[in-house]
Amino acid sequence: MVRGYDWYTYGLYDIGGEPFLARKSSPGATPEPLVGPLLPGTGVEFAYLDTLGVATGTATSVAQIQVILRYQSPVRNAQGDPVSDSVVARVYPRN
């Protein structure tokens, strides 16, 4: 059995003047948009958690990664305000 993998850096990137969750394969690469447009500044949030769900700064203690995406739709509600929503996902990396 042979397995392959690629390294990516995920983050909030400006694509076409709007913020997107995107990934880059190397520091000089062009970001590949995944989700967006997102809210500027607060559109994506990563939290690195241990096995108990407590935030950790130690790479070897990371058992799950929480990703929060916040976006604003071009759609307006009955009051004329933009419709906003958020999505929370947890990723459990294999260590």
N, C-alpha and C. Protein backbone atom coordinates (compact mmCIF):
# COMPACT_ATOMS: atom_id res chain seq x y z
N MET A 1 0.84 -1.17 0.00
CA MET A 1 0.00 0.00 0.00
C MET A 1 0.90 1.24 0.00
N VAL A 2 0.55 2.20 -0.83
CA VAL A 2 1.29 3.46 -0.92
C VAL A 2 0.33 4.59 -0.62
N ARG A 3 0.75 5.53 0.19
CA ARG A 3 -0.08 6.71 0.50
C ARG A 3 0.69 7.97 0.12
N GLY A 4 -0.04 8.94 -0.33
CA GLY A 4 0.54 10.22 -0.64
C GLY A 4 -0.19 11.33 0.09
N TYR A 5 0.42 12.47 0.19
CA TYR A 5 -0.21 13.61 0.84
C TYR A 5 0.39 14.91 0.30
N ASP A 6 -0.34 15.97 0.49
CA ASP A 6 0.12 17.31 0.13
C ASP A 6 0.02 18.20 1.36
N TRP A 7 0.91 19.17 1.48
CA TRP A 7 0.89 20.14 2.57
C TRP A 7 0.17 21.39 2.09
N TYR A 8 -0.74 21.92 2.91
CA TYR A 8 -1.44 23.17 2.59
C TYR A 8 -1.45 24.07 3.81
N THR A 9 -1.49 25.36 3.56
CA THR A 9 -1.70 26.36 4.61
C THR A 9 -3.08 26.96 4.37
N TYR A 10 -3.95 26.87 5.38
CA TYR A 10 -5.32 27.38 5.29
C TYR A 10 -5.41 28.71 6.02
N GLY A 11 -6.22 29.63 5.50
CA GLY A 11 -6.40 30.91 6.17
C GLY A 11 -7.39 31.80 5.43
N LEU A 12 -7.51 33.01 5.92
CA LEU A 12 -8.39 34.01 5.33
C LEU A 12 -7.55 34.81 4.32
N TYR A 13 -7.90 34.72 3.05
CA TYR A 13 -7.14 35.38 1.98
C TYR A 13 -8.05 36.31 1.20
N ASP A 14 -7.47 37.41 0.72
CA ASP A 14 -8.20 38.37 -0.10
C ASP A 14 -8.14 37.87 -1.55
N ILE A 15 -9.31 37.55 -2.10
CA ILE A 15 -9.40 37.08 -3.48
C ILE A 15 -10.43 37.93 -4.20
N GLY A 16 -9.98 38.68 -5.18
CA GLY A 16 -10.89 39.56 -5.91
C GLY A 16 -11.48 40.66 -5.04
N GLY A 17 -10.74 41.09 -4.01
CA GLY A 17 -11.21 42.15 -3.13
C GLY A 17 -12.14 41.69 -2.02
N GLU A 18 -12.36 40.37 -1.90
CA GLU A 18 -13.23 39.85 -0.85
C GLU A 18 -12.52 38.74 -0.08
N PRO A 19 -12.82 38.59 1.22
CA PRO A 19 -12.16 37.57 2.03
C PRO A 19 -12.76 36.17 1.81
N PHE A 20 -11.89 35.19 1.60
CA PHE A 20 -12.29 33.79 1.40
C PHE A 20 -11.45 32.89 2.29
N LEU A 21 -12.04 31.78 2.73
CA LEU A 21 -11.24 30.71 3.30
C LEU A 21 -10.58 30.05 2.10
N ALA A 22 -9.27 30.00 2.12
CA ALA A 22 -8.54 29.46 0.97
C ALA A 22 -7.34 28.67 1.48
N ARG A 23 -6.71 27.97 0.56
CA ARG A 23 -5.50 27.21 0.92
C ARG A 23 -4.40 27.53 -0.08
N LYS A 24 -3.15 27.42 0.41
CA LYS A 24 -1.99 27.61 -0.44
C LYS A 24 -1.08 26.40 -0.28
N SER A 25 -0.50 25.97 -1.38
CA SER A 25 0.39 24.81 -1.33
C SER A 25 1.82 25.18 -0.98
N SER A 26 2.18 26.45 -1.11
CA SER A 26 3.51 26.94 -0.74
C SER A 26 3.40 28.44 -0.46
N PRO A 27 4.39 29.01 0.24
CA PRO A 27 4.29 30.43 0.60
C PRO A 27 4.07 31.38 -0.59
N GLY A 28 4.63 31.10 -1.75
CA GLY A 28 4.48 31.99 -2.90
C GLY A 28 3.33 31.64 -3.83
N ALA A 29 2.58 30.59 -3.51
CA ALA A 29 1.51 30.12 -4.40
C ALA A 29 0.29 31.02 -4.32
N THR A 30 -0.52 30.97 -5.37
CA THR A 30 -1.78 31.70 -5.40
C THR A 30 -2.80 30.94 -4.55
N PRO A 31 -3.53 31.62 -3.66
CA PRO A 31 -4.52 30.93 -2.82
C PRO A 31 -5.65 30.34 -3.67
N GLU A 32 -6.09 29.15 -3.29
CA GLU A 32 -7.22 28.48 -3.94
C GLU A 32 -8.45 28.70 -3.06
N PRO A 33 -9.47 29.44 -3.53
CA PRO A 33 -10.65 29.70 -2.69
C PRO A 33 -11.43 28.43 -2.41
N LEU A 34 -11.89 28.28 -1.16
CA LEU A 34 -12.69 27.14 -0.75
C LEU A 34 -14.10 27.55 -0.35
N VAL A 35 -14.22 28.60 0.47
CA VAL A 35 -15.51 29.08 0.97
C VAL A 35 -15.48 30.60 1.03
N GLY A 36 -16.58 31.23 0.61
CA GLY A 36 -16.63 32.68 0.74
C GLY A 36 -17.59 33.28 -0.25
N PRO A 37 -17.70 34.58 -0.23
CA PRO A 37 -16.92 35.50 0.60
C PRO A 37 -17.37 35.44 2.07
N LEU A 38 -16.41 35.72 2.96
CA LEU A 38 -16.64 35.71 4.39
C LEU A 38 -16.61 37.12 4.95
N LEU A 39 -16.98 37.27 6.22
CA LEU A 39 -16.94 38.58 6.86
C LEU A 39 -15.48 39.02 7.03
N PRO A 40 -15.16 40.26 6.69
CA PRO A 40 -13.79 40.74 6.85
C PRO A 40 -13.36 40.70 8.32
N GLY A 41 -12.15 40.22 8.57
CA GLY A 41 -11.60 40.22 9.92
C GLY A 41 -12.06 39.07 10.80
N THR A 42 -13.34 38.78 10.81
CA THR A 42 -13.87 37.72 11.70
C THR A 42 -14.44 36.56 10.92
N GLY A 43 -14.19 36.48 9.63
CA GLY A 43 -14.82 35.47 8.79
C GLY A 43 -14.36 34.06 9.01
N VAL A 44 -13.14 33.86 9.49
CA VAL A 44 -12.66 32.50 9.76
C VAL A 44 -11.90 32.52 11.08
N GLU A 45 -12.12 31.49 11.87
CA GLU A 45 -11.45 31.37 13.17
C GLU A 45 -11.05 29.91 13.37
N PHE A 46 -9.79 29.70 13.74
CA PHE A 46 -9.29 28.36 14.04
C PHE A 46 -9.01 28.27 15.53
N ALA A 47 -9.38 27.15 16.15
CA ALA A 47 -9.03 26.88 17.55
C ALA A 47 -8.42 25.48 17.60
N TYR A 48 -7.28 25.38 18.24
CA TYR A 48 -6.56 24.10 18.35
C TYR A 48 -6.82 23.54 19.74
N LEU A 49 -7.45 22.36 19.81
CA LEU A 49 -7.94 21.81 21.06
C LEU A 49 -7.28 20.48 21.38
N ASP A 50 -7.14 20.19 22.69
CA ASP A 50 -6.60 18.90 23.12
C ASP A 50 -7.72 17.86 23.20
N THR A 51 -7.44 16.71 23.77
CA THR A 51 -8.43 15.63 23.83
C THR A 51 -9.65 15.97 24.69
N LEU A 52 -9.51 16.94 25.60
CA LEU A 52 -10.62 17.36 26.46
C LEU A 52 -11.40 18.54 25.87
N GLY A 53 -10.97 19.03 24.70
CA GLY A 53 -11.63 20.17 24.08
C GLY A 53 -11.17 21.51 24.60
N VAL A 54 -10.01 21.53 25.27
CA VAL A 54 -9.43 22.75 25.84
C VAL A 54 -8.39 23.28 24.87
N ALA A 55 -8.37 24.60 24.67
CA ALA A 55 -7.41 25.22 23.76
C ALA A 55 -5.98 24.89 24.19
N THR A 56 -5.13 24.58 23.20
CA THR A 56 -3.74 24.27 23.47
C THR A 56 -2.84 24.96 22.44
N GLY A 57 -1.65 25.30 22.87
CA GLY A 57 -0.67 25.89 21.97
C GLY A 57 0.46 24.93 21.66
N THR A 58 0.36 23.71 22.18
CA THR A 58 1.38 22.69 21.96
C THR A 58 0.97 21.79 20.80
N ALA A 59 1.76 21.80 19.74
CA ALA A 59 1.40 21.07 18.51
C ALA A 59 1.16 19.59 18.77
N THR A 60 1.93 18.97 19.64
CA THR A 60 1.77 17.54 19.89
C THR A 60 0.53 17.22 20.72
N SER A 61 -0.10 18.24 21.31
CA SER A 61 -1.32 18.03 22.11
C SER A 61 -2.60 18.25 21.31
N VAL A 62 -2.49 18.70 20.07
CA VAL A 62 -3.69 19.00 19.27
C VAL A 62 -4.38 17.70 18.88
N ALA A 63 -5.63 17.53 19.35
CA ALA A 63 -6.43 16.35 19.02
C ALA A 63 -7.61 16.71 18.12
N GLN A 64 -7.95 18.00 18.07
CA GLN A 64 -9.03 18.46 17.20
C GLN A 64 -8.81 19.92 16.85
N ILE A 65 -9.29 20.29 15.68
CA ILE A 65 -9.20 21.67 15.22
C ILE A 65 -10.61 22.14 14.94
N GLN A 66 -10.99 23.22 15.61
CA GLN A 66 -12.32 23.80 15.39
C GLN A 66 -12.20 24.94 14.40
N VAL A 67 -13.04 24.91 13.37
CA VAL A 67 -13.05 25.96 12.35
C VAL A 67 -14.42 26.62 12.38
N ILE A 68 -14.45 27.94 12.53
CA ILE A 68 -15.70 28.71 12.50
C ILE A 68 -15.65 29.61 11.28
N LEU A 69 -16.69 29.53 10.45
CA LEU A 69 -16.81 30.38 9.26
C LEU A 69 -18.02 31.29 9.44
N ARG A 70 -17.83 32.59 9.22
CA ARG A 70 -18.91 33.55 9.32
C ARG A 70 -19.02 34.28 7.98
N TYR A 71 -20.24 34.32 7.46
CA TYR A 71 -20.40 34.97 6.16
C TYR A 71 -21.66 35.82 6.13
N GLN A 72 -21.67 36.71 5.16
CA GLN A 72 -22.82 37.60 4.96
C GLN A 72 -23.26 37.45 3.52
N SER A 73 -24.51 37.10 3.34
CA SER A 73 -25.07 36.87 2.03
C SER A 73 -25.46 38.19 1.37
N PRO A 74 -25.48 38.25 0.04
CA PRO A 74 -25.99 39.45 -0.62
C PRO A 74 -27.52 39.55 -0.50
N VAL A 75 -28.15 38.49 -0.01
CA VAL A 75 -29.61 38.47 0.17
C VAL A 75 -29.97 39.36 1.36
N ARG A 76 -31.10 40.06 1.26
CA ARG A 76 -31.58 40.93 2.34
C ARG A 76 -32.83 40.34 2.97
N ASN A 77 -33.01 40.56 4.28
CA ASN A 77 -34.23 40.09 4.95
C ASN A 77 -35.35 41.11 4.77
N ALA A 78 -36.49 40.88 5.41
CA ALA A 78 -37.66 41.75 5.26
C ALA A 78 -37.39 43.18 5.74
N GLN A 79 -36.43 43.35 6.67
CA GLN A 79 -36.08 44.69 7.16
C GLN A 79 -35.00 45.36 6.31
N GLY A 80 -34.51 44.67 5.30
CA GLY A 80 -33.49 45.23 4.41
C GLY A 80 -32.07 45.00 4.88
N ASP A 81 -31.90 44.23 5.98
CA ASP A 81 -30.56 43.93 6.50
C ASP A 81 -29.97 42.72 5.79
N PRO A 82 -28.65 42.68 5.63
CA PRO A 82 -28.03 41.52 5.01
C PRO A 82 -28.21 40.28 5.89
N VAL A 83 -28.40 39.15 5.26
CA VAL A 83 -28.54 37.88 5.98
C VAL A 83 -27.15 37.34 6.28
N SER A 84 -26.89 37.02 7.56
CA SER A 84 -25.61 36.46 7.99
C SER A 84 -25.83 35.11 8.63
N ASP A 85 -24.78 34.29 8.61
CA ASP A 85 -24.86 32.97 9.24
C ASP A 85 -23.45 32.52 9.57
N SER A 86 -23.34 31.42 10.29
CA SER A 86 -22.04 30.86 10.61
C SER A 86 -22.12 29.34 10.59
N VAL A 87 -20.96 28.73 10.43
CA VAL A 87 -20.83 27.29 10.40
C VAL A 87 -19.65 26.92 11.29
N VAL A 88 -19.83 25.89 12.13
CA VAL A 88 -18.75 25.40 12.98
C VAL A 88 -18.47 23.96 12.58
N ALA A 89 -17.20 23.66 12.36
CA ALA A 89 -16.79 22.29 12.03
C ALA A 89 -15.60 21.92 12.90
N ARG A 90 -15.54 20.67 13.28
CA ARG A 90 -14.39 20.15 14.03
C ARG A 90 -13.70 19.07 13.20
N VAL A 91 -12.41 19.19 13.12
CA VAL A 91 -11.59 18.25 12.37
C VAL A 91 -10.74 17.48 13.38
N TYR A 92 -10.72 16.18 13.24
CA TYR A 92 -9.93 15.31 14.13
C TYR A 92 -8.77 14.72 13.33
N PRO A 93 -7.60 15.35 13.40
CA PRO A 93 -6.46 14.85 12.61
C PRO A 93 -5.96 13.52 13.16
N ARG A 94 -5.44 12.72 12.26
CA ARG A 94 -4.82 11.48 12.71
C ARG A 94 -3.39 11.79 13.15
N ASN A 95 -3.07 11.39 14.35
CA ASN A 95 -1.71 11.66 14.88
C ASN A 95 -0.89 10.40 14.92
